[in-house]
Amino acid sequence: MSEGLRLGVVDDHPAILRGILTILVELCPEITETFTTSTVPALLGAHRSLDIVVLDVRLADGSDPAANVAAVVDAGLPVLLYTQEQRRGVLARCFRAGALGVVDKSEEPGVLAAAIRVVAAGEPYLSSGWAAAVEDADDWPVPELAPRESEALGLYATGLPLKSVARRMHLSEDTVKEYLDRVRRKYTRAGRPAYTKVDLYQRAVEDGYLPPPGEGAPADPAR
């Protein structure tokens, strides 16, 4: 890390951002620069030199949490999750994608400040939340889906018929069906079978491929 600390924050709640940044600058005088945005593509497209990214897990653009973590990590930036997310499948996928720590938004700002220092140095932040999430990752097996498999799952599980999913993915129905069959096989091997469309919807929500019921677009998985 260079002299000073350059902080990036991805969160879609402007009021929360303004408040927490004001406090962080007081708690971490080594912060010399901050850059905030509501999406990961906007962060990566800004070409800013940063030392750490504090990332909200669930963003309003509907982006996949683990894919967001992977994109930031691939850009060479350490990621600290700052979230109210409790779904263990979602957190397990984010850790597997390279997140170095997690702080719950209910924690005092001093906890976040301490975690930022640790993760900015390239070390994992081993809070009780982090340890519990790692343990959950062992107890709650989350299969690793290829990008096209997760895309097919996310579209089909919302209630779209197979032909509509194929059209949106610019693929044949047979190819989409094969992707979904692979998803089912992977969940079966993980001990969390998904035989029906409703099962697939439940797995997609549990593991963060879709938002929980009542958030985002309504779904009709039985359709």
C-alpha atoms as a PDB file:
ATOM      1  CA  MET A   1       0.000   0.000   0.000  1.00  0.00           C
ATOM      2  CA  SER A   2       1.314   3.452  -0.912  1.00  0.00           C
ATOM      3  CA  GLU A   3       1.639   6.308   1.599  1.00  0.00           C
ATOM      4  CA  GLY A   4      -1.881   7.233   2.637  1.00  0.00           C
ATOM      5  CA  LEU A   5      -4.920   5.105   2.000  1.00  0.00           C
ATOM      6  CA  ARG A   6      -7.115   5.416  -1.066  1.00  0.00           C
ATOM      7  CA  LEU A   7     -10.566   4.046  -0.367  1.00  0.00           C
ATOM      8  CA  GLY A   8     -13.236   2.958  -2.826  1.00  0.00           C
ATOM      9  CA  VAL A   9     -16.791   2.301  -1.667  1.00  0.00           C
ATOM     10  CA  VAL A  10     -19.537   0.644  -3.714  1.00  0.00           C
ATOM     11  CA  ASP A  11     -22.960   1.134  -2.109  1.00  0.00           C
ATOM     12  CA  ASP A  12     -26.318   2.243  -3.483  1.00  0.00           C
ATOM     13  CA  HIS A  13     -27.499   4.155  -0.388  1.00  0.00           C
ATOM     14  CA  PRO A  14     -26.177   7.753  -0.740  1.00  0.00           C
ATOM     15  CA  ALA A  15     -27.181   8.839   2.760  1.00  0.00           C
ATOM     16  CA  ILE A  16     -25.411   5.868   4.331  1.00  0.00           C
ATOM     17  CA  LEU A  17     -22.362   6.547   2.194  1.00  0.00           C
ATOM     18  CA  ARG A  18     -22.092  10.193   3.222  1.00  0.00           C
ATOM     19  CA  GLY A  19     -22.513   9.377   6.900  1.00  0.00           C
ATOM     20  CA  ILE A  20     -20.082   6.490   7.068  1.00  0.00           C
ATOM     21  CA  LEU A  21     -17.414   8.296   5.036  1.00  0.00           C
ATOM     22  CA  THR A  22     -17.545  11.306   7.339  1.00  0.00           C
ATOM     23  CA  ILE A  23     -16.943   9.050  10.332  1.00  0.00           C
ATOM     24  CA  LEU A  24     -14.279   6.955   8.587  1.00  0.00           C
ATOM     25  CA  VAL A  25     -12.198   9.974   7.657  1.00  0.00           C
ATOM     26  CA  GLU A  26     -12.193  10.937  11.335  1.00  0.00           C
ATOM     27  CA  LEU A  27     -11.334   7.429  12.514  1.00  0.00           C
ATOM     28  CA  CYS A  28      -8.757   6.786   9.779  1.00  0.00           C
ATOM     29  CA  PRO A  29      -6.734   9.968   9.225  1.00  0.00           C
ATOM     30  CA  GLU A  30      -4.541   7.966   6.850  1.00  0.00           C
ATOM     31  CA  ILE A  31      -7.381   8.028   4.298  1.00  0.00           C
ATOM     32  CA  THR A  32      -6.211  10.533   1.697  1.00  0.00           C
ATOM     33  CA  GLU A  33      -8.721   9.859  -1.066  1.00  0.00           C
ATOM     34  CA  THR A  34     -12.222   8.392  -1.357  1.00  0.00           C
ATOM     35  CA  PHE A  35     -14.181   7.338  -4.407  1.00  0.00           C
ATOM     36  CA  THR A  36     -17.792   6.246  -4.129  1.00  0.00           C
ATOM     37  CA  THR A  37     -20.199   4.779  -6.646  1.00  0.00           C
ATOM     38  CA  SER A  38     -23.256   2.561  -6.773  1.00  0.00           C
ATOM     39  CA  THR A  39     -22.013  -0.143  -9.168  1.00  0.00           C
ATOM     40  CA  VAL A  40     -18.870  -2.183  -9.680  1.00  0.00           C
ATOM     41  CA  PRO A  41     -18.597  -1.370 -13.430  1.00  0.00           C
ATOM     42  CA  ALA A  42     -18.609   2.342 -12.557  1.00  0.00           C
ATOM     43  CA  LEU A  43     -15.848   1.772 -10.022  1.00  0.00           C
ATOM     44  CA  LEU A  44     -13.678  -0.202 -12.434  1.00  0.00           C
ATOM     45  CA  GLY A  45     -14.402   2.153 -15.318  1.00  0.00           C
ATOM     46  CA  ALA A  46     -13.201   5.186 -13.382  1.00  0.00           C
ATOM     47  CA  HIS A  47      -9.539   4.106 -13.602  1.00  0.00           C
ATOM     48  CA  ARG A  48      -8.841   5.344 -10.084  1.00  0.00           C
ATOM     49  CA  SER A  49      -5.850   4.174  -8.074  1.00  0.00           C
ATOM     50  CA  LEU A  50      -7.232   2.569  -4.928  1.00  0.00           C
ATOM     51  CA  ASP A  51      -5.885   0.503  -2.060  1.00  0.00           C
ATOM     52  CA  ILE A  52      -9.102  -1.203  -0.966  1.00  0.00           C
ATOM     53  CA  VAL A  53     -12.749  -1.499  -1.983  1.00  0.00           C
ATOM     54  CA  VAL A  54     -15.538  -1.667   0.576  1.00  0.00           C
ATOM     55  CA  LEU A  55     -18.358  -3.454  -1.231  1.00  0.00           C
ATOM     56  CA  ASP A  56     -22.029  -3.791  -0.375  1.00  0.00           C
ATOM     57  CA  VAL A  57     -23.112  -7.314  -1.251  1.00  0.00           C
ATOM     58  CA  ARG A  58     -26.611  -6.549  -2.540  1.00  0.00           C
ATOM     59  CA  LEU A  59     -26.755  -3.704  -5.036  1.00  0.00           C
ATOM     60  CA  ALA A  60     -29.787  -2.174  -6.724  1.00  0.00           C
ATOM     61  CA  ASP A  61     -28.534  -3.018 -10.220  1.00  0.00           C
ATOM     62  CA  GLY A  62     -29.269  -6.710  -9.530  1.00  0.00           C
ATOM     63  CA  SER A  63     -25.668  -7.735 -10.164  1.00  0.00           C
ATOM     64  CA  ASP A  64     -24.392 -11.058  -8.872  1.00  0.00           C
ATOM     65  CA  PRO A  65     -22.533 -10.579  -5.555  1.00  0.00           C
ATOM     66  CA  ALA A  66     -19.787 -13.112  -6.222  1.00  0.00           C
ATOM     67  CA  ALA A  67     -19.245 -11.823  -9.764  1.00  0.00           C
ATOM     68  CA  ASN A  68     -18.812  -8.318  -8.341  1.00  0.00           C
ATOM     69  CA  VAL A  69     -16.205  -9.545  -5.876  1.00  0.00           C
ATOM     70  CA  ALA A  70     -14.370 -11.469  -8.597  1.00  0.00           C
ATOM     71  CA  ALA A  71     -14.305  -8.432 -10.907  1.00  0.00           C
ATOM     72  CA  VAL A  72     -12.786  -6.210  -8.235  1.00  0.00           C
ATOM     73  CA  VAL A  73     -10.282  -8.858  -7.140  1.00  0.00           C
ATOM     74  CA  ASP A  74      -9.296  -9.458 -10.776  1.00  0.00           C
ATOM     75  CA  ALA A  75      -8.508  -5.737 -10.971  1.00  0.00           C
ATOM     76  CA  GLY A  76      -5.963  -6.274  -8.196  1.00  0.00           C
ATOM     77  CA  LEU A  77      -7.951  -4.690  -5.367  1.00  0.00           C
ATOM     78  CA  PRO A  78      -8.665  -6.261  -1.960  1.00  0.00           C
ATOM     79  CA  VAL A  79     -12.365  -6.463  -1.089  1.00  0.00           C
ATOM     80  CA  LEU A  80     -14.034  -5.959   2.264  1.00  0.00           C
ATOM     81  CA  LEU A  81     -17.742  -6.803   2.354  1.00  0.00           C
ATOM     82  CA  TYR A  82     -19.942  -4.294   4.190  1.00  0.00           C
ATOM     83  CA  THR A  83     -23.429  -5.669   4.318  1.00  0.00           C
ATOM     84  CA  GLN A  84     -26.591  -6.757   6.051  1.00  0.00           C
ATOM     85  CA  GLU A  85     -26.599  -9.985   4.030  1.00  0.00           C
ATOM     86  CA  GLN A  86     -27.205 -13.086   6.136  1.00  0.00           C
ATOM     87  CA  ARG A  87     -27.613 -15.793   3.483  1.00  0.00           C
ATOM     88  CA  ARG A  88     -24.682 -18.124   4.024  1.00  0.00           C
ATOM     89  CA  GLY A  89     -24.684 -19.329   0.438  1.00  0.00           C
ATOM     90  CA  VAL A  90     -24.202 -15.758  -0.777  1.00  0.00           C
ATOM     91  CA  LEU A  91     -21.345 -15.076   1.638  1.00  0.00           C
ATOM     92  CA  ALA A  92     -19.719 -18.419   0.848  1.00  0.00           C
ATOM     93  CA  ARG A  93     -19.685 -17.550  -2.855  1.00  0.00           C
ATOM     94  CA  CYS A  94     -18.250 -14.092  -2.139  1.00  0.00           C
ATOM     95  CA  PHE A  95     -15.435 -15.556  -0.028  1.00  0.00           C
ATOM     96  CA  ARG A  96     -14.694 -18.117  -2.705  1.00  0.00           C
ATOM     97  CA  ALA A  97     -14.508 -15.265  -5.224  1.00  0.00           C
ATOM     98  CA  GLY A  98     -11.782 -13.619  -3.149  1.00  0.00           C
ATOM     99  CA  ALA A  99     -13.337 -11.346  -0.505  1.00  0.00           C
ATOM    100  CA  LEU A 100     -10.967 -10.913   2.430  1.00  0.00           C
ATOM    101  CA  GLY A 101     -13.448 -10.024   5.137  1.00  0.00           C
ATOM    102  CA  VAL A 102     -16.935  -8.994   6.121  1.00  0.00           C
ATOM    103  CA  VAL A 103     -18.378  -6.352   8.439  1.00  0.00           C
ATOM    104  CA  ASP A 104     -22.063  -6.201   9.251  1.00  0.00           C
ATOM    105  CA  LYS A 105     -23.651  -2.773   8.808  1.00  0.00           C
ATOM    106  CA  SER A 106     -24.968  -3.020  12.356  1.00  0.00           C
ATOM    107  CA  GLU A 107     -21.406  -2.870  13.725  1.00  0.00           C
ATOM    108  CA  GLU A 108     -19.911   0.301  15.190  1.00  0.00           C
ATOM    109  CA  PRO A 109     -17.898   2.424  12.713  1.00  0.00           C
ATOM    110  CA  GLY A 110     -14.728   1.622  14.627  1.00  0.00           C
ATOM    111  CA  VAL A 111     -15.082  -2.036  13.623  1.00  0.00           C
ATOM    112  CA  LEU A 112     -15.272  -1.046   9.963  1.00  0.00           C
ATOM    113  CA  ALA A 113     -12.256   1.239  10.337  1.00  0.00           C
ATOM    114  CA  ALA A 114     -10.202  -1.552  11.899  1.00  0.00           C
ATOM    115  CA  ALA A 115     -11.247  -3.995   9.176  1.00  0.00           C
ATOM    116  CA  ILE A 116     -10.323  -1.513   6.432  1.00  0.00           C
ATOM    117  CA  ARG A 117      -6.790  -1.200   7.806  1.00  0.00           C
ATOM    118  CA  VAL A 118      -6.343  -4.974   7.964  1.00  0.00           C
ATOM    119  CA  VAL A 119      -7.757  -5.753   4.517  1.00  0.00           C
ATOM    120  CA  ALA A 120      -5.945  -2.826   2.868  1.00  0.00           C
ATOM    121  CA  ALA A 121      -2.740  -4.488   4.048  1.00  0.00           C
ATOM    122  CA  GLY A 122      -3.784  -7.637   2.169  1.00  0.00           C
ATOM    123  CA  GLU A 123      -4.700  -9.635   5.258  1.00  0.00           C
ATOM    124  CA  PRO A 124      -8.020 -11.355   6.042  1.00  0.00           C
ATOM    125  CA  TYR A 125     -10.200  -9.703   8.632  1.00  0.00           C
ATOM    126  CA  LEU A 126     -10.946 -12.568  10.977  1.00  0.00           C
ATOM    127  CA  SER A 127     -13.927 -11.230  12.878  1.00  0.00           C
ATOM    128  CA  SER A 128     -16.529 -13.535  14.385  1.00  0.00           C
ATOM    129  CA  GLY A 129     -18.673 -12.839  11.318  1.00  0.00           C
ATOM    130  CA  TRP A 130     -15.866 -13.928   9.013  1.00  0.00           C
ATOM    131  CA  ALA A 131     -15.200 -17.106  11.007  1.00  0.00           C
ATOM    132  CA  ALA A 132     -18.903 -18.010  11.058  1.00  0.00           C
ATOM    133  CA  ALA A 133     -19.198 -17.453   7.321  1.00  0.00           C
ATOM    134  CA  VAL A 134     -16.178 -19.662   6.609  1.00  0.00           C
ATOM    135  CA  GLU A 135     -17.699 -22.357   8.801  1.00  0.00           C
ATOM    136  CA  ASP A 136     -20.997 -21.986   6.971  1.00  0.00           C
ATOM    137  CA  ALA A 137     -19.168 -22.415   3.670  1.00  0.00           C
ATOM    138  CA  ASP A 138     -18.142 -25.892   4.855  1.00  0.00           C
ATOM    139  CA  ASP A 139     -21.572 -26.786   6.216  1.00  0.00           C
ATOM    140  CA  TRP A 140     -23.519 -25.304   3.308  1.00  0.00           C
ATOM    141  CA  PRO A 141     -21.943 -26.600   0.090  1.00  0.00           C
ATOM    142  CA  VAL A 142     -22.399 -24.169  -2.780  1.00  0.00           C
ATOM    143  CA  PRO A 143     -21.645 -25.670  -6.198  1.00  0.00           C
ATOM    144  CA  GLU A 144     -19.443 -23.661  -8.508  1.00  0.00           C
ATOM    145  CA  LEU A 145     -21.500 -22.725 -11.555  1.00  0.00           C
ATOM    146  CA  ALA A 146     -20.015 -21.544 -14.829  1.00  0.00           C
ATOM    147  CA  PRO A 147     -21.114 -18.035 -15.900  1.00  0.00           C
ATOM    148  CA  ARG A 148     -23.581 -19.301 -18.505  1.00  0.00           C
ATOM    149  CA  GLU A 149     -24.984 -21.858 -16.082  1.00  0.00           C
ATOM    150  CA  SER A 150     -25.641 -19.187 -13.457  1.00  0.00           C
ATOM    151  CA  GLU A 151     -27.162 -16.919 -16.107  1.00  0.00           C
ATOM    152  CA  ALA A 152     -29.526 -19.683 -17.237  1.00  0.00           C
ATOM    153  CA  LEU A 153     -30.435 -20.451 -13.626  1.00  0.00           C
ATOM    154  CA  GLY A 154     -31.172 -16.811 -12.824  1.00  0.00           C
ATOM    155  CA  LEU A 155     -33.426 -16.354 -15.835  1.00  0.00           C
ATOM    156  CA  TYR A 156     -35.253 -19.679 -15.700  1.00  0.00           C
ATOM    157  CA  ALA A 157     -35.813 -19.616 -11.935  1.00  0.00           C
ATOM    158  CA  THR A 158     -37.674 -16.292 -12.133  1.00  0.00           C
ATOM    159  CA  GLY A 159     -40.422 -18.041 -14.111  1.00  0.00           C
ATOM    160  CA  LEU A 160     -39.373 -17.480 -17.716  1.00  0.00           C
ATOM    161  CA  PRO A 161     -40.170 -20.415 -20.020  1.00  0.00           C
ATOM    162  CA  LEU A 162     -37.275 -22.232 -21.602  1.00  0.00           C
ATOM    163  CA  LYS A 163     -37.796 -20.630 -25.016  1.00  0.00           C
ATOM    164  CA  SER A 164     -37.664 -17.135 -23.501  1.00  0.00           C
ATOM    165  CA  VAL A 165     -34.455 -17.940 -21.647  1.00  0.00           C
ATOM    166  CA  ALA A 166     -32.950 -19.282 -24.872  1.00  0.00           C
ATOM    167  CA  ARG A 167     -33.941 -16.128 -26.742  1.00  0.00           C
ATOM    168  CA  ARG A 168     -32.420 -13.841 -24.106  1.00  0.00           C
ATOM    169  CA  MET A 169     -29.199 -15.864 -24.012  1.00  0.00           C
ATOM    170  CA  HIS A 170     -29.056 -16.110 -27.834  1.00  0.00           C
ATOM    171  CA  LEU A 171     -28.844 -19.895 -27.568  1.00  0.00           C
ATOM    172  CA  SER A 172     -30.900 -22.878 -28.632  1.00  0.00           C
ATOM    173  CA  GLU A 173     -33.422 -24.359 -26.208  1.00  0.00           C
ATOM    174  CA  ASP A 174     -31.416 -27.597 -26.153  1.00  0.00           C
ATOM    175  CA  THR A 175     -28.294 -25.723 -25.057  1.00  0.00           C
ATOM    176  CA  VAL A 176     -30.148 -23.906 -22.280  1.00  0.00           C
ATOM    177  CA  LYS A 177     -31.672 -27.190 -21.142  1.00  0.00           C
ATOM    178  CA  GLU A 178     -28.190 -28.694 -20.963  1.00  0.00           C
ATOM    179  CA  TYR A 179     -27.000 -25.769 -18.819  1.00  0.00           C
ATOM    180  CA  LEU A 180     -29.932 -26.264 -16.449  1.00  0.00           C
ATOM    181  CA  ASP A 181     -29.337 -30.016 -16.321  1.00  0.00           C
ATOM    182  CA  ARG A 182     -25.720 -29.291 -15.340  1.00  0.00           C
ATOM    183  CA  VAL A 183     -26.944 -26.954 -12.604  1.00  0.00           C
ATOM    184  CA  ARG A 184     -29.256 -29.649 -11.265  1.00  0.00           C
ATOM    185  CA  ARG A 185     -26.470 -32.241 -11.311  1.00  0.00           C
ATOM    186  CA  LYS A 186     -24.100 -29.914  -9.451  1.00  0.00           C
ATOM    187  CA  TYR A 187     -26.660 -29.164  -6.747  1.00  0.00           C
ATOM    188  CA  THR A 188     -27.425 -32.875  -6.401  1.00  0.00           C
ATOM    189  CA  ARG A 189     -23.731 -33.662  -5.941  1.00  0.00           C
ATOM    190  CA  ALA A 190     -23.559 -30.884  -3.343  1.00  0.00           C
ATOM    191  CA  GLY A 191     -26.360 -32.556  -1.379  1.00  0.00           C
ATOM    192  CA  ARG A 192     -28.902 -29.821  -2.139  1.00  0.00           C
ATOM    193  CA  PRO A 193     -30.958 -31.289  -4.990  1.00  0.00           C
ATOM    194  CA  ALA A 194     -33.071 -29.063  -7.217  1.00  0.00           C
ATOM    195  CA  TYR A 195     -35.438 -31.330  -9.112  1.00  0.00           C
ATOM    196  CA  THR A 196     -38.213 -28.838  -9.882  1.00  0.00           C
ATOM    197  CA  LYS A 197     -38.407 -25.251 -11.046  1.00  0.00           C
ATOM    198  CA  VAL A 198     -39.428 -24.198  -7.536  1.00  0.00           C
ATOM    199  CA  ASP A 199     -36.346 -26.003  -6.168  1.00  0.00           C
ATOM    200  CA  LEU A 200     -34.163 -24.095  -8.625  1.00  0.00           C
ATOM    201  CA  TYR A 201     -35.741 -20.820  -7.533  1.00  0.00           C
ATOM    202  CA  GLN A 202     -35.039 -21.645  -3.871  1.00  0.00           C
ATOM    203  CA  ARG A 203     -31.396 -22.495  -4.605  1.00  0.00           C
ATOM    204  CA  ALA A 204     -30.975 -19.339  -6.696  1.00  0.00           C
ATOM    205  CA  VAL A 205     -32.260 -17.206  -3.810  1.00  0.00           C
ATOM    206  CA  GLU A 206     -30.259 -19.081  -1.158  1.00  0.00           C
ATOM    207  CA  ASP A 207     -27.009 -18.620  -3.051  1.00  0.00           C
ATOM    208  CA  GLY A 208     -27.571 -15.067  -4.267  1.00  0.00           C
ATOM    209  CA  TYR A 209     -28.275 -15.579  -7.941  1.00  0.00           C
ATOM    210  CA  LEU A 210     -31.661 -13.952  -7.287  1.00  0.00           C
ATOM    211  CA  PRO A 211     -32.776 -11.473  -4.592  1.00  0.00           C
ATOM    212  CA  PRO A 212     -34.959 -12.696  -1.728  1.00  0.00           C
ATOM    213  CA  PRO A 213     -38.743 -12.675  -2.280  1.00  0.00           C
ATOM    214  CA  GLY A 214     -40.136  -9.173  -2.168  1.00  0.00           C
ATOM    215  CA  GLU A 215     -36.909  -7.570  -3.404  1.00  0.00           C
ATOM    216  CA  GLY A 216     -36.363  -6.799  -7.053  1.00  0.00           C
ATOM    217  CA  ALA A 217     -38.605  -8.103  -9.813  1.00  0.00           C
ATOM    218  CA  PRO A 218     -41.364 -10.508  -8.717  1.00  0.00           C
ATOM    219  CA  ALA A 219     -40.871 -14.114  -9.691  1.00  0.00           C
ATOM    220  CA  ASP A 220     -43.237 -16.909 -10.596  1.00  0.00           C
ATOM    221  CA  PRO A 221     -41.060 -20.034 -10.381  1.00  0.00           C
ATOM    222  CA  ALA A 222     -43.988 -22.392 -10.882  1.00  0.00           C
ATOM    223  CA  ARG A 223     -44.825 -20.896 -14.262  1.00  0.00           C
END
